[in-house]
């Protein structure tokens, strides 16, 4: 006599994917308002590399291994990533970084360790302000007149536009930005930054209101986006003042910003992720400012003064 069991066999438990999270903000930043982790324990085995002073935030069933790194220099963080990649005898499947200063080191580590994701060549087009503008200019995007910094290039642009902006090529957070209106100011900048001039770019000062568009992108196609107008200067932190923004309401301005955002991100074939895109609205239309492959601070922090705005899902 034989017996037969009918019905569906229970599904095998899904194997968790090991992912390295490269962080310096603190692990509490990776949870929603309800406290649920962005990388839930039923799907991910999280190997965290975080700032040493933030290790107290590293709590959760999804965490398999935590390494705290002192200081802010990227080299010790990179060594910790290498350790976490080997942890448990199983290579990590993914390496995640959301802090702008870690995006390029993360791309370098993916190439070194053979982890899928954004490579160095792609990351540079979101980080290096000269390569970024060259790339977009070649794709027909309106960008400011710019050049890698030299005194001669700055003089040419200053003579043409009467005011120029000098930015670090790999800068973030509006740090080390200089507005130059005359030759005396230019010479002072050259003198103060001797030995580092190759780290900067110079561009025309665009006279226009600054906006940002924060997007979710899949294969260079924007699936969702929100636009905001800056109320304060992005350099207001120098005066210990807030940088606030308000949502752009429905209408022609929002339509123009979202269309420009789609055109810019279409120039990044294969890109999937989030983007923080800053745009000048000049009398002649939108002009590119810069873009980063990360979420905008306003969208990620309720304390920033951001007011949620209209969303495009086209």
Protein backbone atom coordinates (compact mmCIF):
# COMPACT_ATOMS: atom_id res chain seq x y z
CA UNK A 1 0.00 0.00 0.00
CA UNK A 2 1.30 3.39 -0.86
CA UNK A 3 0.32 6.81 0.38
CA UNK A 4 0.31 10.04 -1.55
CA UNK A 5 0.59 13.56 -0.21
CA UNK A 6 -1.12 16.15 -2.32
CA UNK A 7 -0.89 19.93 -2.30
CA UNK A 8 1.94 22.39 -2.69
CA UNK A 9 5.22 21.74 -0.93
CA UNK A 10 6.26 24.56 1.40
CA UNK A 11 8.47 27.13 -0.36
CA UNK A 12 12.12 27.01 0.51
CA UNK A 13 13.15 29.99 2.61
CA UNK A 14 14.65 32.76 0.52
CA UNK A 15 18.39 33.02 0.97
CA UNK A 16 19.39 36.39 2.33
CA UNK A 17 21.66 38.53 0.18
CA UNK A 18 24.76 39.85 1.92
CA UNK A 19 25.11 43.61 1.42
CA UNK A 20 27.77 45.98 2.70
CA UNK A 21 26.42 49.36 3.81
CA UNK A 22 29.14 52.04 3.75
CA UNK A 23 27.92 54.78 6.07
CA UNK A 24 29.07 57.81 8.04
CA UNK A 25 25.64 59.26 8.92
CA UNK A 26 24.58 56.67 11.51
CA UNK A 27 22.45 53.55 11.02
CA UNK A 28 19.30 55.24 12.33
CA UNK A 29 19.22 57.12 9.00
CA UNK A 30 18.36 53.86 7.24
CA UNK A 31 14.97 53.36 8.86
CA UNK A 32 11.58 54.70 7.92
CA UNK A 33 9.38 56.88 10.16
CA UNK A 34 7.79 53.70 11.52
CA UNK A 35 11.19 52.32 12.53
CA UNK A 36 11.33 49.60 9.90
CA UNK A 37 14.77 49.13 8.29
CA UNK A 38 15.26 49.98 4.64
CA UNK A 39 17.07 46.62 4.34
CA UNK A 40 14.71 44.18 6.09
CA UNK A 41 16.04 41.11 7.87
CA UNK A 42 14.05 38.61 5.80
CA UNK A 43 15.87 39.65 2.61
CA UNK A 44 19.25 41.09 3.54
CA UNK A 45 22.25 40.24 5.64
CA UNK A 46 23.66 43.70 6.38
CA UNK A 47 27.37 44.13 6.99
CA UNK A 48 27.70 47.67 8.27
CA UNK A 49 30.74 49.95 8.05
CA UNK A 50 30.00 53.12 9.98
CA UNK A 51 31.63 55.99 11.86
CA UNK A 52 32.98 54.81 15.20
CA UNK A 53 30.99 57.40 17.15
CA UNK A 54 27.79 56.16 15.47
CA UNK A 55 28.09 52.47 16.34
CA UNK A 56 25.54 52.87 19.13
CA UNK A 57 22.88 53.26 16.42
CA UNK A 58 23.74 49.86 14.90
CA UNK A 59 20.79 47.86 16.20
CA UNK A 60 18.60 45.44 14.24
CA UNK A 61 18.06 41.79 13.40
CA UNK A 62 19.25 42.44 9.85
CA UNK A 63 22.75 43.39 11.03
CA UNK A 64 25.21 40.50 10.74
CA UNK A 65 28.46 42.39 11.33
CA UNK A 66 29.36 45.95 12.35
CA UNK A 67 32.72 47.70 11.99
CA UNK A 68 33.24 51.18 13.42
CA UNK A 69 35.87 53.38 11.81
CA UNK A 70 37.40 56.45 13.50
CA UNK A 71 37.84 59.72 11.63
CA UNK A 72 36.45 60.78 8.25
CA UNK A 73 39.21 59.78 5.82
CA UNK A 74 38.05 57.23 3.20
CA UNK A 75 41.08 54.88 3.40
CA UNK A 76 40.16 53.24 6.77
CA UNK A 77 36.55 52.88 5.60
CA UNK A 78 37.80 51.12 2.46
CA UNK A 79 39.83 48.66 4.53
CA UNK A 80 36.76 47.94 6.64
CA UNK A 81 34.75 47.26 3.46
CA UNK A 82 37.38 44.73 2.36
CA UNK A 83 37.04 42.99 5.74
CA UNK A 84 33.25 42.94 5.51
CA UNK A 85 33.42 41.56 1.98
CA UNK A 86 35.29 38.53 3.34
CA UNK A 87 33.21 38.23 6.51
CA UNK A 88 31.65 34.81 7.11
CA UNK A 89 33.43 33.25 4.15
CA UNK A 90 30.81 34.48 1.66
CA UNK A 91 31.46 37.47 -0.62
CA UNK A 92 29.00 40.34 -0.45
CA UNK A 93 26.54 40.69 -3.34
CA UNK A 94 26.15 44.46 -3.08
CA UNK A 95 27.92 47.55 -1.77
CA UNK A 96 25.68 50.48 -0.90
CA UNK A 97 26.81 54.06 -0.23
CA UNK A 98 24.56 57.13 -0.07
CA UNK A 99 26.92 59.81 1.25
CA UNK A 100 28.23 61.84 -1.67
CA UNK A 101 31.87 61.74 -0.54
CA UNK A 102 31.70 57.92 -0.49
CA UNK A 103 30.16 57.41 -3.95
CA UNK A 104 33.46 57.42 -5.83
CA UNK A 105 35.35 55.28 -3.24
CA UNK A 106 32.43 52.83 -3.32
CA UNK A 107 32.70 52.58 -7.12
CA UNK A 108 36.45 51.94 -6.83
CA UNK A 109 35.81 49.19 -4.27
CA UNK A 110 33.16 47.53 -6.44
CA UNK A 111 35.66 47.28 -9.27
CA UNK A 112 38.38 45.99 -6.95
CA UNK A 113 36.16 43.38 -5.28
CA UNK A 114 34.05 42.40 -8.28
CA UNK A 115 30.78 43.61 -6.77
CA UNK A 116 28.00 44.65 -9.20
CA UNK A 117 26.90 48.28 -9.31
CA UNK A 118 28.06 51.70 -10.42
CA UNK A 119 31.63 51.75 -11.74
CA UNK A 120 34.24 54.50 -11.50
CA UNK A 121 33.66 55.84 -15.02
CA UNK A 122 29.95 56.24 -14.28
CA UNK A 123 30.49 57.69 -10.80
CA UNK A 124 32.85 60.37 -12.11
CA UNK A 125 30.08 61.75 -14.33
CA UNK A 126 28.11 62.45 -11.14
CA UNK A 127 31.08 63.67 -9.07
CA UNK A 128 33.62 65.52 -11.23
CA UNK A 129 32.05 68.86 -12.18
CA UNK A 130 34.20 69.24 -15.30
CA UNK A 131 33.55 65.73 -16.67
CA UNK A 132 29.88 66.10 -15.70
CA UNK A 133 29.40 69.31 -17.70
CA UNK A 134 31.45 68.07 -20.65
CA UNK A 135 29.29 64.94 -20.80
CA UNK A 136 26.00 66.82 -20.63
CA UNK A 137 27.10 69.55 -23.03
CA UNK A 138 27.91 66.81 -25.54
CA UNK A 139 24.34 65.53 -25.08
CA UNK A 140 22.82 68.92 -25.90
CA UNK A 141 22.11 70.04 -22.32
CA UNK A 142 22.42 73.76 -21.52
CA UNK A 143 25.36 74.15 -19.12
CA UNK A 144 27.25 77.23 -17.90
CA UNK A 145 30.38 78.30 -19.76
CA UNK A 146 33.11 76.52 -17.78
CA UNK A 147 36.71 75.30 -17.77
CA UNK A 148 39.14 73.40 -15.56
CA UNK A 149 40.62 76.10 -13.34
CA UNK A 150 43.60 78.11 -14.43
CA UNK A 151 44.24 81.79 -13.96
CA UNK A 152 44.08 82.28 -17.72
CA UNK A 153 40.72 80.48 -18.05
CA UNK A 154 39.30 82.42 -15.11
CA UNK A 155 40.47 85.72 -16.60
CA UNK A 156 38.81 84.89 -19.92
CA UNK A 157 35.49 84.03 -18.25
CA UNK A 158 35.72 87.02 -15.90
CA UNK A 159 36.25 89.37 -18.81
CA UNK A 160 33.28 87.83 -20.64
CA UNK A 161 30.76 87.54 -17.79
CA UNK A 162 32.05 90.03 -15.14
CA UNK A 163 31.44 87.43 -12.41
CA UNK A 164 32.56 83.81 -12.11
CA UNK A 165 32.16 80.93 -9.69
CA UNK A 166 35.02 78.65 -8.62
CA UNK A 167 34.10 75.20 -7.27
CA UNK A 168 36.04 72.10 -6.23
CA UNK A 169 35.70 69.52 -9.00
CA UNK A 170 34.87 66.81 -6.45
CA UNK A 171 33.25 69.10 -3.91
CA UNK A 172 30.03 68.47 -1.99
CA UNK A 173 27.78 70.41 0.34
CA UNK A 174 28.58 73.80 -1.26
CA UNK A 175 31.99 73.80 0.41
CA UNK A 176 34.91 75.87 -0.89
CA UNK A 177 32.79 77.77 -3.42
CA UNK A 178 34.15 81.21 -4.31
CA UNK A 179 32.47 84.09 -6.17
CA UNK A 180 35.00 86.28 -8.00
CA UNK A 181 34.18 89.72 -9.36
CA UNK A 182 37.59 91.18 -10.18
CA UNK A 183 41.22 90.38 -10.90
CA UNK A 184 42.26 91.18 -7.33
CA UNK A 185 39.89 88.53 -6.00
CA UNK A 186 41.11 86.05 -8.60
CA UNK A 187 44.75 86.63 -7.66
CA UNK A 188 43.91 86.25 -3.99
CA UNK A 189 42.25 82.90 -4.73
CA UNK A 190 45.27 81.74 -6.74
CA UNK A 191 47.60 82.74 -3.93
CA UNK A 192 45.50 81.12 -1.19
CA UNK A 193 45.09 77.83 -3.09
CA UNK A 194 48.53 77.46 -4.61
CA UNK A 195 49.34 73.79 -5.14
CA UNK A 196 45.63 72.85 -5.28
CA UNK A 197 44.42 74.78 -8.31
CA UNK A 198 43.96 71.62 -10.40
CA UNK A 199 41.28 70.52 -7.92
CA UNK A 200 38.94 73.34 -9.04
CA UNK A 201 36.81 74.39 -11.99
CA UNK A 202 35.64 77.89 -12.97
CA UNK A 203 32.36 78.81 -14.63
CA UNK A 204 30.18 81.78 -15.47
CA UNK A 205 27.86 83.10 -12.78
CA UNK A 206 24.32 82.24 -13.92
CA UNK A 207 21.81 84.92 -12.99
CA UNK A 208 18.72 82.89 -12.18
CA UNK A 209 16.69 81.29 -9.41
CA UNK A 210 18.09 77.95 -8.22
CA UNK A 211 15.80 74.91 -8.04
CA UNK A 212 16.34 71.24 -7.27
CA UNK A 213 14.68 68.13 -8.66
CA UNK A 214 14.97 64.90 -6.69
CA UNK A 215 14.28 61.81 -8.79
CA UNK A 216 13.92 58.05 -8.67
CA UNK A 217 15.48 56.63 -11.84
CA UNK A 218 15.39 53.25 -13.54
CA UNK A 219 17.59 52.63 -16.58
CA UNK A 220 17.94 56.40 -17.17
CA UNK A 221 14.14 56.84 -17.10
CA UNK A 222 12.71 59.05 -14.35
CA UNK A 223 9.89 57.17 -12.63
CA UNK A 224 9.15 59.75 -9.92
CA UNK A 225 10.37 63.26 -9.17
CA UNK A 226 9.70 66.20 -6.88
CA UNK A 227 10.89 69.79 -7.47
CA UNK A 228 11.66 72.54 -4.98
CA UNK A 229 12.73 76.19 -5.05
CA UNK A 230 15.54 77.24 -2.75
CA UNK A 231 14.42 80.03 -0.43
CA UNK A 232 17.90 80.50 1.02
CA UNK A 233 21.37 80.35 -0.48
CA UNK A 234 22.96 76.92 -0.50
CA UNK A 235 25.93 78.63 1.19
CA UNK A 236 23.86 79.97 4.09
CA UNK A 237 25.59 77.48 6.40
CA UNK A 238 28.56 79.87 6.39
CA UNK A 239 26.38 82.28 8.39
CA UNK A 240 25.04 79.43 10.58
CA UNK A 241 21.65 79.91 8.91
CA UNK A 242 19.28 77.30 7.43
CA UNK A 243 18.94 76.40 3.77
CA UNK A 244 15.20 76.07 3.16
CA UNK A 245 13.15 75.20 0.12
CA UNK A 246 9.50 75.13 -0.88
CA UNK A 247 7.70 72.91 -3.36
CA UNK A 248 7.10 74.04 -6.92
CA UNK A 249 3.34 73.95 -7.59
CA UNK A 250 1.70 72.46 -10.67
CA UNK A 251 2.09 74.61 -13.74
CA UNK A 252 4.44 75.52 -16.60
CA UNK A 253 7.45 76.02 -14.31
CA UNK A 254 7.13 72.55 -12.79
CA UNK A 255 6.61 71.05 -16.24
CA UNK A 256 9.78 72.75 -17.53
CA UNK A 257 11.87 71.60 -14.56
CA UNK A 258 10.67 67.98 -14.82
CA UNK A 259 11.23 67.91 -18.59
CA UNK A 260 14.76 69.26 -18.15
CA UNK A 261 15.42 66.69 -15.42
CA UNK A 262 14.29 63.87 -17.71
CA UNK A 263 16.56 65.14 -20.50
CA UNK A 264 19.57 65.30 -18.18
CA UNK A 265 19.07 61.81 -16.75
CA UNK A 266 18.48 60.35 -20.20
CA UNK A 267 22.15 61.22 -20.81
CA UNK A 268 23.13 58.58 -18.20
CA UNK A 269 22.27 55.28 -19.96
CA UNK A 270 21.86 52.36 -17.61
CA UNK A 271 21.70 54.50 -14.47
CA UNK A 272 19.33 53.18 -11.82
CA UNK A 273 19.07 54.88 -8.45
CA UNK A 274 18.22 58.29 -7.05
CA UNK A 275 19.44 61.70 -8.19
CA UNK A 276 19.64 65.17 -6.69
CA UNK A 277 19.70 67.67 -9.57
CA UNK A 278 20.14 71.44 -9.21
CA UNK A 279 18.91 73.72 -12.00
CA UNK A 280 19.05 77.45 -12.66
CA UNK A 281 15.97 78.96 -14.26
CA UNK A 282 17.41 81.76 -16.40
CA UNK A 283 15.51 84.17 -18.67
CA UNK A 284 16.34 81.84 -21.59
CA UNK A 285 15.21 78.66 -19.80
CA UNK A 286 16.69 75.95 -17.56
CA UNK A 287 20.48 75.80 -17.18
CA UNK A 288 22.22 72.87 -15.56
CA UNK A 289 23.99 73.52 -12.25
CA UNK A 290 25.07 70.06 -11.04
CA UNK A 291 23.78 66.57 -10.29
CA UNK A 292 24.57 63.90 -7.71
CA UNK A 293 23.67 60.20 -7.59
CA UNK A 294 22.15 60.48 -4.14
CA UNK A 295 18.97 61.61 -2.44
CA UNK A 296 18.61 65.30 -1.71
CA UNK A 297 19.02 66.39 1.88
CA UNK A 298 15.70 68.19 1.82
CA UNK A 299 13.82 65.09 0.77
CA UNK A 300 15.56 62.93 3.36
CA UNK A 301 15.28 65.15 6.43
CA UNK A 302 12.00 66.54 7.82
CA UNK A 303 14.02 69.12 9.75
CA UNK A 304 15.39 70.67 6.58
CA UNK A 305 12.39 72.89 5.95
CA UNK A 306 11.36 70.95 2.84
CA UNK A 307 7.65 70.99 2.00
CA UNK A 308 6.60 67.90 0.00
CA UNK A 309 5.56 68.87 -3.46
CA UNK A 310 4.00 67.58 -6.67
CA UNK A 311 5.31 64.29 -7.97
CA UNK A 312 5.72 63.15 -11.55
CA UNK A 313 5.23 59.48 -12.31
CA UNK A 314 5.45 59.81 -16.09
